PDB file of all heavy atoms in Angstrom:
ATOM      1  N   ASP A   1      -9.042 -21.941 -10.428  1.00  0.00           N
ATOM      2  CA  ASP A   1     -10.040 -21.883 -11.503  1.00  0.00           C
ATOM      3  C   ASP A   1     -10.507 -20.458 -11.798  1.00  0.00           C
ATOM      4  O   ASP A   1     -11.072 -20.202 -12.861  1.00  0.00           O
ATOM      5  CB  ASP A   1     -11.256 -22.747 -11.157  1.00  0.00           C
ATOM      6  CG  ASP A   1     -10.937 -24.229 -11.160  1.00  0.00           C
ATOM      7  OD1 ASP A   1      -9.889 -24.620 -11.729  1.00  0.00           O
ATOM      8  OD2 ASP A   1     -11.728 -24.998 -10.589  1.00  0.00           O
ATOM      9  N   ASP A   2     -10.298 -19.528 -10.864  1.00  0.00           N
ATOM     10  CA  ASP A   2     -10.721 -18.141 -11.045  1.00  0.00           C
ATOM     11  C   ASP A   2      -9.695 -17.303 -11.804  1.00  0.00           C
ATOM     12  O   ASP A   2      -9.967 -16.165 -12.154  1.00  0.00           O
ATOM     13  CB  ASP A   2     -10.980 -17.491  -9.680  1.00  0.00           C
ATOM     14  CG  ASP A   2     -12.083 -18.200  -8.913  1.00  0.00           C
ATOM     15  OD1 ASP A   2     -13.131 -18.493  -9.528  1.00  0.00           O
ATOM     16  OD2 ASP A   2     -11.885 -18.470  -7.715  1.00  0.00           O
ATOM     17  N   ILE A   3      -8.529 -17.863 -12.058  1.00  0.00           N
ATOM     18  CA  ILE A   3      -7.455 -17.119 -12.727  1.00  0.00           C
ATOM     19  C   ILE A   3      -7.667 -17.188 -14.232  1.00  0.00           C
ATOM     20  O   ILE A   3      -7.668 -18.273 -14.822  1.00  0.00           O
ATOM     21  CB  ILE A   3      -6.074 -17.682 -12.332  1.00  0.00           C
ATOM     22  CG1 ILE A   3      -5.884 -17.567 -10.827  1.00  0.00           C
ATOM     23  CG2 ILE A   3      -4.970 -16.958 -13.085  1.00  0.00           C
ATOM     24  CD1 ILE A   3      -4.679 -18.307 -10.309  1.00  0.00           C
ATOM     25  N   LYS A   4      -7.848 -16.014 -14.828  1.00  0.00           N
ATOM     26  CA  LYS A   4      -8.082 -15.934 -16.264  1.00  0.00           C
ATOM     27  C   LYS A   4      -7.277 -14.757 -16.829  1.00  0.00           C
ATOM     28  O   LYS A   4      -7.793 -13.653 -16.957  1.00  0.00           O
ATOM     29  CB  LYS A   4      -9.569 -15.766 -16.552  1.00  0.00           C
ATOM     30  CG  LYS A   4     -10.377 -16.943 -15.982  1.00  0.00           C
ATOM     31  CD  LYS A   4     -11.784 -16.966 -16.444  1.00  0.00           C
ATOM     32  CE  LYS A   4     -12.615 -18.077 -15.870  1.00  0.00           C
ATOM     33  NZ  LYS A   4     -12.036 -19.147 -15.168  1.00  0.00           N
ATOM     34  N   PRO A   5      -5.987 -15.004 -17.148  1.00  0.00           N
ATOM     35  CA  PRO A   5      -5.129 -13.912 -17.636  1.00  0.00           C
ATOM     36  C   PRO A   5      -5.659 -13.273 -18.908  1.00  0.00           C
ATOM     37  O   PRO A   5      -6.234 -13.940 -19.759  1.00  0.00           O
ATOM     38  CB  PRO A   5      -3.787 -14.595 -17.899  1.00  0.00           C
ATOM     39  CG  PRO A   5      -3.858 -15.918 -17.226  1.00  0.00           C
ATOM     40  CD  PRO A   5      -5.301 -16.269 -17.100  1.00  0.00           C
ATOM     41  N   GLU A   6      -5.432 -11.956 -19.012  1.00  0.00           N
ATOM     42  CA  GLU A   6      -5.792 -11.215 -20.221  1.00  0.00           C
ATOM     43  C   GLU A   6      -4.611 -11.117 -21.170  1.00  0.00           C
ATOM     44  O   GLU A   6      -4.773 -10.718 -22.312  1.00  0.00           O
ATOM     45  CB  GLU A   6      -6.263  -9.806 -19.848  1.00  0.00           C
ATOM     46  CG  GLU A   6      -7.531  -9.788 -19.027  1.00  0.00           C
ATOM     47  CD  GLU A   6      -7.924  -8.392 -18.586  1.00  0.00           C
ATOM     48  OE1 GLU A   6      -7.303  -7.403 -19.028  1.00  0.00           O
ATOM     49  OE2 GLU A   6      -8.866  -8.277 -17.781  1.00  0.00           O
ATOM     50  N   ASP A   7      -3.400 -11.428 -20.697  1.00  0.00           N
ATOM     51  CA  ASP A   7      -2.213 -11.345 -21.546  1.00  0.00           C
ATOM     52  C   ASP A   7      -1.509 -12.701 -21.554  1.00  0.00           C
ATOM     53  O   ASP A   7      -1.971 -13.654 -20.947  1.00  0.00           O
ATOM     54  CB  ASP A   7      -1.282 -10.217 -21.089  1.00  0.00           C
ATOM     55  CG  ASP A   7      -0.729 -10.424 -19.680  1.00  0.00           C
ATOM     56  OD1 ASP A   7      -0.663 -11.587 -19.211  1.00  0.00           O
ATOM     57  OD2 ASP A   7      -0.348  -9.435 -19.047  1.00  0.00           O
ATOM     58  N   GLN A   8      -0.399 -12.768 -22.236  1.00  0.00           N
ATOM     59  CA  GLN A   8       0.356 -14.020 -22.364  1.00  0.00           C
ATOM     60  C   GLN A   8       1.723 -13.922 -21.697  1.00  0.00           C
ATOM     61  O   GLN A   8       2.670 -14.574 -22.115  1.00  0.00           O
ATOM     62  CB  GLN A   8       0.523 -14.354 -23.856  1.00  0.00           C
ATOM     63  CG  GLN A   8      -0.787 -14.561 -24.588  1.00  0.00           C
ATOM     64  CD  GLN A   8      -1.558 -15.735 -24.027  1.00  0.00           C
ATOM     65  OE1 GLN A   8      -1.014 -16.812 -23.797  1.00  0.00           O
ATOM     66  NE2 GLN A   8      -2.846 -15.538 -23.779  1.00  0.00           N
ATOM     67  N   GLU A   9       1.845 -13.104 -20.627  1.00  0.00           N
ATOM     68  CA  GLU A   9       3.136 -12.900 -19.980  1.00  0.00           C
ATOM     69  C   GLU A   9       3.544 -14.066 -19.086  1.00  0.00           C
ATOM     70  O   GLU A   9       4.709 -14.198 -18.740  1.00  0.00           O
ATOM     71  CB  GLU A   9       3.132 -11.596 -19.172  1.00  0.00           C
ATOM     72  CG  GLU A   9       3.039 -10.369 -20.044  1.00  0.00           C
ATOM     73  CD  GLU A   9       3.093  -9.076 -19.251  1.00  0.00           C
ATOM     74  OE1 GLU A   9       3.596  -9.083 -18.111  1.00  0.00           O
ATOM     75  OE2 GLU A   9       2.643  -8.056 -19.790  1.00  0.00           O
ATOM     76  N   SER A  10       2.597 -14.896 -18.700  1.00  0.00           N
ATOM     77  CA  SER A  10       2.880 -15.988 -17.771  1.00  0.00           C
ATOM     78  C   SER A  10       2.792 -17.335 -18.474  1.00  0.00           C
ATOM     79  O   SER A  10       1.926 -17.548 -19.312  1.00  0.00           O
ATOM     80  CB  SER A  10       1.864 -15.988 -16.626  1.00  0.00           C
ATOM     81  OG  SER A  10       1.836 -14.753 -15.981  1.00  0.00           O
ATOM     82  N   LEU A  11       3.696 -18.249 -18.084  1.00  0.00           N
ATOM     83  CA  LEU A  11       3.573 -19.626 -18.544  1.00  0.00           C
ATOM     84  C   LEU A  11       2.428 -20.305 -17.815  1.00  0.00           C
ATOM     85  O   LEU A  11       1.687 -21.080 -18.401  1.00  0.00           O
ATOM     86  CB  LEU A  11       4.887 -20.384 -18.305  1.00  0.00           C
ATOM     87  CG  LEU A  11       6.063 -19.906 -19.143  1.00  0.00           C
ATOM     88  CD1 LEU A  11       7.355 -20.581 -18.693  1.00  0.00           C
ATOM     89  CD2 LEU A  11       5.809 -20.176 -20.618  1.00  0.00           C
ATOM     90  N   PHE A  12       2.324 -20.024 -16.502  1.00  0.00           N
ATOM     91  CA  PHE A  12       1.162 -20.470 -15.736  1.00  0.00           C
ATOM     92  C   PHE A  12       1.116 -19.727 -14.409  1.00  0.00           C
ATOM     93  O   PHE A  12       2.089 -19.122 -13.983  1.00  0.00           O
ATOM     94  CB  PHE A  12       1.123 -21.987 -15.528  1.00  0.00           C
ATOM     95  CG  PHE A  12       2.206 -22.537 -14.637  1.00  0.00           C
ATOM     96  CD1 PHE A  12       2.033 -22.623 -13.266  1.00  0.00           C
ATOM     97  CD2 PHE A  12       3.392 -22.983 -15.175  1.00  0.00           C
ATOM     98  CE1 PHE A  12       3.019 -23.138 -12.446  1.00  0.00           C
ATOM     99  CE2 PHE A  12       4.389 -23.496 -14.353  1.00  0.00           C
ATOM    100  CZ  PHE A  12       4.204 -23.580 -12.993  1.00  0.00           C
ATOM    101  N   LEU A  13      -0.060 -19.770 -13.773  1.00  0.00           N
ATOM    102  CA  LEU A  13      -0.285 -19.164 -12.460  1.00  0.00           C
ATOM    103  C   LEU A  13      -0.912 -20.214 -11.567  1.00  0.00           C
ATOM    104  O   LEU A  13      -1.720 -21.029 -12.018  1.00  0.00           O
ATOM    105  CB  LEU A  13      -1.220 -17.959 -12.575  1.00  0.00           C
ATOM    106  CG  LEU A  13      -0.656 -16.790 -13.369  1.00  0.00           C
ATOM    107  CD1 LEU A  13      -1.434 -16.588 -14.635  1.00  0.00           C
ATOM    108  CD2 LEU A  13      -0.662 -15.544 -12.528  1.00  0.00           C
ATOM    109  N   HIS A  14      -0.534 -20.160 -10.276  1.00  0.00           N
ATOM    110  CA  HIS A  14      -1.032 -21.174  -9.350  1.00  0.00           C
ATOM    111  C   HIS A  14      -0.945 -20.637  -7.927  1.00  0.00           C
ATOM    112  O   HIS A  14       0.004 -19.926  -7.581  1.00  0.00           O
ATOM    113  CB  HIS A  14      -0.193 -22.446  -9.501  1.00  0.00           C
ATOM    114  CG  HIS A  14      -0.519 -23.537  -8.533  1.00  0.00           C
ATOM    115  ND1 HIS A  14      -1.717 -24.222  -8.552  1.00  0.00           N
ATOM    116  CD2 HIS A  14       0.189 -24.067  -7.513  1.00  0.00           C
ATOM    117  CE1 HIS A  14      -1.715 -25.130  -7.602  1.00  0.00           C
ATOM    118  NE2 HIS A  14      -0.572 -25.048  -6.940  1.00  0.00           N
ATOM    119  N   PHE A  15      -1.928 -20.992  -7.099  1.00  0.00           N
ATOM    120  CA  PHE A  15      -1.876 -20.710  -5.671  1.00  0.00           C
ATOM    121  C   PHE A  15      -1.077 -21.834  -4.998  1.00  0.00           C
ATOM    122  O   PHE A  15      -1.471 -22.993  -5.057  1.00  0.00           O
ATOM    123  CB  PHE A  15      -3.286 -20.653  -5.064  1.00  0.00           C
ATOM    124  CG  PHE A  15      -3.998 -19.357  -5.307  1.00  0.00           C
ATOM    125  CD1 PHE A  15      -4.936 -19.247  -6.319  1.00  0.00           C
ATOM    126  CD2 PHE A  15      -3.741 -18.243  -4.512  1.00  0.00           C
ATOM    127  CE1 PHE A  15      -5.610 -18.049  -6.539  1.00  0.00           C
ATOM    128  CE2 PHE A  15      -4.402 -17.049  -4.719  1.00  0.00           C
ATOM    129  CZ  PHE A  15      -5.341 -16.950  -5.734  1.00  0.00           C
ATOM    130  N   PHE A  16       0.046 -21.476  -4.379  1.00  0.00           N
ATOM    131  CA  PHE A  16       0.933 -22.439  -3.734  1.00  0.00           C
ATOM    132  C   PHE A  16       0.781 -22.377  -2.220  1.00  0.00           C
ATOM    133  O   PHE A  16       0.810 -21.284  -1.634  1.00  0.00           O
ATOM    134  CB  PHE A  16       2.400 -22.124  -4.055  1.00  0.00           C
ATOM    135  CG  PHE A  16       2.804 -22.391  -5.469  1.00  0.00           C
ATOM    136  CD1 PHE A  16       2.605 -21.433  -6.459  1.00  0.00           C
ATOM    137  CD2 PHE A  16       3.416 -23.582  -5.806  1.00  0.00           C
ATOM    138  CE1 PHE A  16       2.993 -21.670  -7.768  1.00  0.00           C
ATOM    139  CE2 PHE A  16       3.823 -23.831  -7.110  1.00  0.00           C
ATOM    140  CZ  PHE A  16       3.609 -22.869  -8.096  1.00  0.00           C
ATOM    141  N   SER A  17       0.697 -23.540  -1.574  1.00  0.00           N
ATOM    142  CA  SER A  17       0.800 -23.577  -0.117  1.00  0.00           C
ATOM    143  C   SER A  17       2.275 -23.368   0.234  1.00  0.00           C
ATOM    144  O   SER A  17       3.152 -23.528  -0.619  1.00  0.00           O
ATOM    145  CB  SER A  17       0.308 -24.917   0.436  1.00  0.00           C
ATOM    146  OG  SER A  17       1.224 -25.941   0.118  1.00  0.00           O
ATOM    147  N   LYS A  18       2.542 -23.040   1.490  1.00  0.00           N
ATOM    148  CA  LYS A  18       3.940 -22.789   1.870  1.00  0.00           C
ATOM    149  C   LYS A  18       4.796 -24.035   1.680  1.00  0.00           C
ATOM    150  O   LYS A  18       5.989 -23.930   1.420  1.00  0.00           O
ATOM    151  CB  LYS A  18       4.037 -22.253   3.296  1.00  0.00           C
ATOM    152  CG  LYS A  18       3.661 -23.225   4.371  1.00  0.00           C
ATOM    153  CD  LYS A  18       3.841 -22.613   5.746  1.00  0.00           C
ATOM    154  CE  LYS A  18       3.510 -23.629   6.819  1.00  0.00           C
ATOM    155  NZ  LYS A  18       3.752 -23.126   8.146  1.00  0.00           N
ATOM    156  N   ASP A  19       4.202 -25.220   1.748  1.00  0.00           N
ATOM    157  CA  ASP A  19       4.951 -26.464   1.567  1.00  0.00           C
ATOM    158  C   ASP A  19       5.202 -26.807   0.097  1.00  0.00           C
ATOM    159  O   ASP A  19       6.021 -27.684  -0.189  1.00  0.00           O
ATOM    160  CB  ASP A  19       4.207 -27.626   2.229  1.00  0.00           C
ATOM    161  CG  ASP A  19       4.051 -27.433   3.728  1.00  0.00           C
ATOM    162  OD1 ASP A  19       4.955 -26.825   4.349  1.00  0.00           O
ATOM    163  OD2 ASP A  19       3.018 -27.868   4.282  1.00  0.00           O
ATOM    164  N   GLU A  20       4.501 -26.149  -0.814  1.00  0.00           N
ATOM    165  CA  GLU A  20       4.640 -26.429  -2.254  1.00  0.00           C
ATOM    166  C   GLU A  20       5.507 -25.410  -2.981  1.00  0.00           C
ATOM    167  O   GLU A  20       5.709 -25.527  -4.185  1.00  0.00           O
ATOM    168  CB  GLU A  20       3.283 -26.367  -2.963  1.00  0.00           C
ATOM    169  CG  GLU A  20       2.179 -27.218  -2.447  1.00  0.00           C
ATOM    170  CD  GLU A  20       0.884 -26.937  -3.186  1.00  0.00           C
ATOM    171  OE1 GLU A  20       0.420 -25.779  -3.201  1.00  0.00           O
ATOM    172  OE2 GLU A  20       0.345 -27.903  -3.753  1.00  0.00           O
ATOM    173  N   LEU A  21       5.970 -24.376  -2.289  1.00  0.00           N
ATOM    174  CA  LEU A  21       6.671 -23.286  -2.961  1.00  0.00           C
ATOM    175  C   LEU A  21       7.890 -23.783  -3.737  1.00  0.00           C
ATOM    176  O   LEU A  21       8.609 -24.669  -3.259  1.00  0.00           O
ATOM    177  CB  LEU A  21       7.118 -22.239  -1.944  1.00  0.00           C
ATOM    178  CG  LEU A  21       6.008 -21.405  -1.324  1.00  0.00           C
ATOM    179  CD1 LEU A  21       6.560 -20.561  -0.174  1.00  0.00           C
ATOM    180  CD2 LEU A  21       5.339 -20.530  -2.362  1.00  0.00           C
ATOM    181  N   PRO A  22       8.121 -23.213  -4.915  1.00  0.00           N
ATOM    182  CA  PRO A  22       9.323 -23.568  -5.670  1.00  0.00           C
ATOM    183  C   PRO A  22      10.577 -23.179  -4.877  1.00  0.00           C
ATOM    184  O   PRO A  22      10.522 -22.325  -3.989  1.00  0.00           O
ATOM    185  CB  PRO A  22       9.209 -22.720  -6.949  1.00  0.00           C
ATOM    186  CG  PRO A  22       7.786 -22.294  -7.015  1.00  0.00           C
ATOM    187  CD  PRO A  22       7.288 -22.240  -5.612  1.00  0.00           C
ATOM    188  N   PRO A  23      11.724 -23.771  -5.206  1.00  0.00           N
ATOM    189  CA  PRO A  23      12.966 -23.410  -4.511  1.00  0.00           C
ATOM    190  C   PRO A  23      13.386 -21.970  -4.814  1.00  0.00           C
ATOM    191  O   PRO A  23      13.029 -21.412  -5.860  1.00  0.00           O
ATOM    192  CB  PRO A  23      13.989 -24.406  -5.054  1.00  0.00           C
ATOM    193  CG  PRO A  23      13.380 -25.028  -6.249  1.00  0.00           C
ATOM    194  CD  PRO A  23      11.904 -24.830  -6.187  1.00  0.00           C
ATOM    195  N   GLN A  24      14.130 -21.384  -3.899  1.00  0.00           N
ATOM    196  CA  GLN A  24      14.544 -19.981  -3.996  1.00  0.00           C
ATOM    197  C   GLN A  24      15.197 -19.655  -5.333  1.00  0.00           C
ATOM    198  O   GLN A  24      14.950 -18.592  -5.902  1.00  0.00           O
ATOM    199  CB  GLN A  24      15.493 -19.643  -2.855  1.00  0.00           C
ATOM    200  CG  GLN A  24      15.972 -18.206  -2.879  1.00  0.00           C
ATOM    201  CD  GLN A  24      16.845 -17.842  -1.692  1.00  0.00           C
ATOM    202  OE1 GLN A  24      17.046 -18.642  -0.782  1.00  0.00           O
ATOM    203  NE2 GLN A  24      17.358 -16.633  -1.703  1.00  0.00           N
ATOM    204  N   GLU A  25      16.023 -20.538  -5.858  1.00  0.00           N
ATOM    205  CA  GLU A  25      16.747 -20.250  -7.102  1.00  0.00           C
ATOM    206  C   GLU A  25      15.820 -20.154  -8.318  1.00  0.00           C
ATOM    207  O   GLU A  25      16.242 -19.675  -9.376  1.00  0.00           O
ATOM    208  CB  GLU A  25      17.874 -21.257  -7.347  1.00  0.00           C
ATOM    209  CG  GLU A  25      17.434 -22.690  -7.467  1.00  0.00           C
ATOM    210  CD  GLU A  25      17.365 -23.439  -6.129  1.00  0.00           C
ATOM    211  OE1 GLU A  25      17.502 -22.831  -5.048  1.00  0.00           O
ATOM    212  OE2 GLU A  25      17.137 -24.662  -6.185  1.00  0.00           O
ATOM    213  N   GLU A  26      14.563 -20.553  -8.172  1.00  0.00           N
ATOM    214  CA  GLU A  26      13.612 -20.447  -9.276  1.00  0.00           C
ATOM    215  C   GLU A  26      12.738 -19.186  -9.180  1.00  0.00           C
ATOM    216  O   GLU A  26      11.819 -19.013  -9.978  1.00  0.00           O
ATOM    217  CB  GLU A  26      12.726 -21.695  -9.328  1.00  0.00           C
ATOM    218  CG  GLU A  26      13.503 -22.946  -9.695  1.00  0.00           C
ATOM    219  CD  GLU A  26      12.633 -24.182  -9.780  1.00  0.00           C
ATOM    220  OE1 GLU A  26      11.408 -24.046  -9.996  1.00  0.00           O
ATOM    221  OE2 GLU A  26      13.179 -25.296  -9.626  1.00  0.00           O
ATOM    222  N   PHE A  27      13.039 -18.319  -8.214  1.00  0.00           N
ATOM    223  CA  PHE A  27      12.285 -17.077  -7.991  1.00  0.00           C
ATOM    224  C   PHE A  27      13.058 -15.861  -8.482  1.00  0.00           C
ATOM    225  O   PHE A  27      14.295 -15.832  -8.420  1.00  0.00           O
ATOM    226  CB  PHE A  27      12.096 -16.843  -6.482  1.00  0.00           C
ATOM    227  CG  PHE A  27      10.865 -17.422  -5.884  1.00  0.00           C
ATOM    228  CD1 PHE A  27      10.856 -18.722  -5.412  1.00  0.00           C
ATOM    229  CD2 PHE A  27       9.713 -16.664  -5.743  1.00  0.00           C
ATOM    230  CE1 PHE A  27       9.736 -19.252  -4.813  1.00  0.00           C
ATOM    231  CE2 PHE A  27       8.581 -17.183  -5.149  1.00  0.00           C
ATOM    232  CZ  PHE A  27       8.595 -18.487  -4.679  1.00  0.00           C
ATOM    233  N   LEU A  28      12.314 -14.822  -8.878  1.00  0.00           N
ATOM    234  CA  LEU A  28      12.917 -13.493  -8.947  1.00  0.00           C
ATOM    235  C   LEU A  28      13.263 -13.104  -7.513  1.00  0.00           C
ATOM    236  O   LEU A  28      12.458 -13.325  -6.600  1.00  0.00           O
ATOM    237  CB  LEU A  28      11.936 -12.474  -9.528  1.00  0.00           C
ATOM    238  CG  LEU A  28      11.722 -12.474 -11.025  1.00  0.00           C
ATOM    239  CD1 LEU A  28      10.696 -11.417 -11.412  1.00  0.00           C
ATOM    240  CD2 LEU A  28      13.016 -12.229 -11.754  1.00  0.00           C
ATOM    241  N   PRO A  29      14.437 -12.525  -7.284  1.00  0.00           N
ATOM    242  CA  PRO A  29      14.862 -12.260  -5.898  1.00  0.00           C
ATOM    243  C   PRO A  29      13.885 -11.425  -5.068  1.00  0.00           C
ATOM    244  O   PRO A  29      13.630 -11.755  -3.910  1.00  0.00           O
ATOM    245  CB  PRO A  29      16.202 -11.535  -6.080  1.00  0.00           C
ATOM    246  CG  PRO A  29      16.714 -12.033  -7.385  1.00  0.00           C
ATOM    247  CD  PRO A  29      15.484 -12.221  -8.247  1.00  0.00           C
ATOM    248  N   ASN A  30      13.351 -10.353  -5.615  1.00  0.00           N
ATOM    249  CA  ASN A  30      12.462  -9.510  -4.810  1.00  0.00           C
ATOM    250  C   ASN A  30      11.140 -10.199  -4.501  1.00  0.00           C
ATOM    251  O   ASN A  30      10.561 -10.000  -3.432  1.00  0.00           O
ATOM    252  CB  ASN A  30      12.247  -8.153  -5.469  1.00  0.00           C
ATOM    253  CG  ASN A  30      13.451  -7.247  -5.282  1.00  0.00           C
ATOM    254  OD1 ASN A  30      14.360  -7.544  -4.502  1.00  0.00           O
ATOM    255  ND2 ASN A  30      13.462  -6.149  -5.992  1.00  0.00           N
ATOM    256  N   SER A  31      10.653 -11.033  -5.410  1.00  0.00           N
ATOM    257  CA  SER A  31       9.435 -11.792  -5.122  1.00  0.00           C
ATOM    258  C   SER A  31       9.689 -12.787  -4.002  1.00  0.00           C
ATOM    259  O   SER A  31       8.863 -12.943  -3.100  1.00  0.00           O
ATOM    260  CB  SER A  31       8.950 -12.533  -6.371  1.00  0.00           C
ATOM    261  OG  SER A  31       8.408 -11.633  -7.313  1.00  0.00           O
ATOM    262  N   TYR A  32      10.843 -13.445  -4.039  1.00  0.00           N
ATOM    263  CA  TYR A  32      11.170 -14.397  -2.980  1.00  0.00           C
ATOM    264  C   TYR A  32      11.245 -13.685  -1.635  1.00  0.00           C
ATOM    265  O   TYR A  32      10.719 -14.183  -0.631  1.00  0.00           O
ATOM    266  CB  TYR A  32      12.496 -15.111  -3.284  1.00  0.00           C
ATOM    267  CG  TYR A  32      12.807 -16.184  -2.282  1.00  0.00           C
ATOM    268  CD1 TYR A  32      12.194 -17.434  -2.372  1.00  0.00           C
ATOM    269  CD2 TYR A  32      13.690 -15.959  -1.230  1.00  0.00           C
ATOM    270  CE1 TYR A  32      12.458 -18.429  -1.446  1.00  0.00           C
ATOM    271  CE2 TYR A  32      13.961 -16.946  -0.299  1.00  0.00           C
ATOM    272  CZ  TYR A  32      13.348 -18.175  -0.414  1.00  0.00           C
ATOM    273  OH  TYR A  32      13.600 -19.159   0.517  1.00  0.00           O
ATOM    274  N   ALA A  33      11.869 -12.506  -1.603  1.00  0.00           N
ATOM    275  CA  ALA A  33      11.984 -11.746  -0.351  1.00  0.00           C
ATOM    276  C   ALA A  33      10.606 -11.394   0.205  1.00  0.00           C
ATOM    277  O   ALA A  33      10.370 -11.484   1.416  1.00  0.00           O
ATOM    278  CB  ALA A  33      12.811 -10.484  -0.579  1.00  0.00           C
ATOM    279  N   SER A  34       9.672 -11.011  -0.659  1.00  0.00           N
ATOM    280  CA  SER A  34       8.319 -10.670  -0.207  1.00  0.00           C
ATOM    281  C   SER A  34       7.585 -11.886   0.337  1.00  0.00           C
ATOM    282  O   SER A  34       6.907 -11.804   1.362  1.00  0.00           O
ATOM    283  CB  SER A  34       7.518 -10.043  -1.350  1.00  0.00           C
ATOM    284  OG  SER A  34       8.073  -8.810  -1.728  1.00  0.00           O
ATOM    285  N   VAL A  35       7.723 -13.029  -0.335  1.00  0.00           N
ATOM    286  CA  VAL A  35       7.076 -14.253   0.127  1.00  0.00           C
ATOM    287  C   VAL A  35       7.631 -14.647   1.494  1.00  0.00           C
ATOM    288  O   VAL A  35       6.879 -15.002   2.404  1.00  0.00           O
ATOM    289  CB  VAL A  35       7.248 -15.395  -0.907  1.00  0.00           C
ATOM    290  CG1 VAL A  35       6.837 -16.738  -0.325  1.00  0.00           C
ATOM    291  CG2 VAL A  35       6.440 -15.089  -2.169  1.00  0.00           C
TER     292      VAL A  35
END
């Protein structure tokens, strides 16, 4: 509820638990590596 984007670069933003994370193939590679 605290997320209030100033731009339109994202389709959506969400805090994910480790059990809810999207599959690797749906990530940018470097973001997946950091997670």
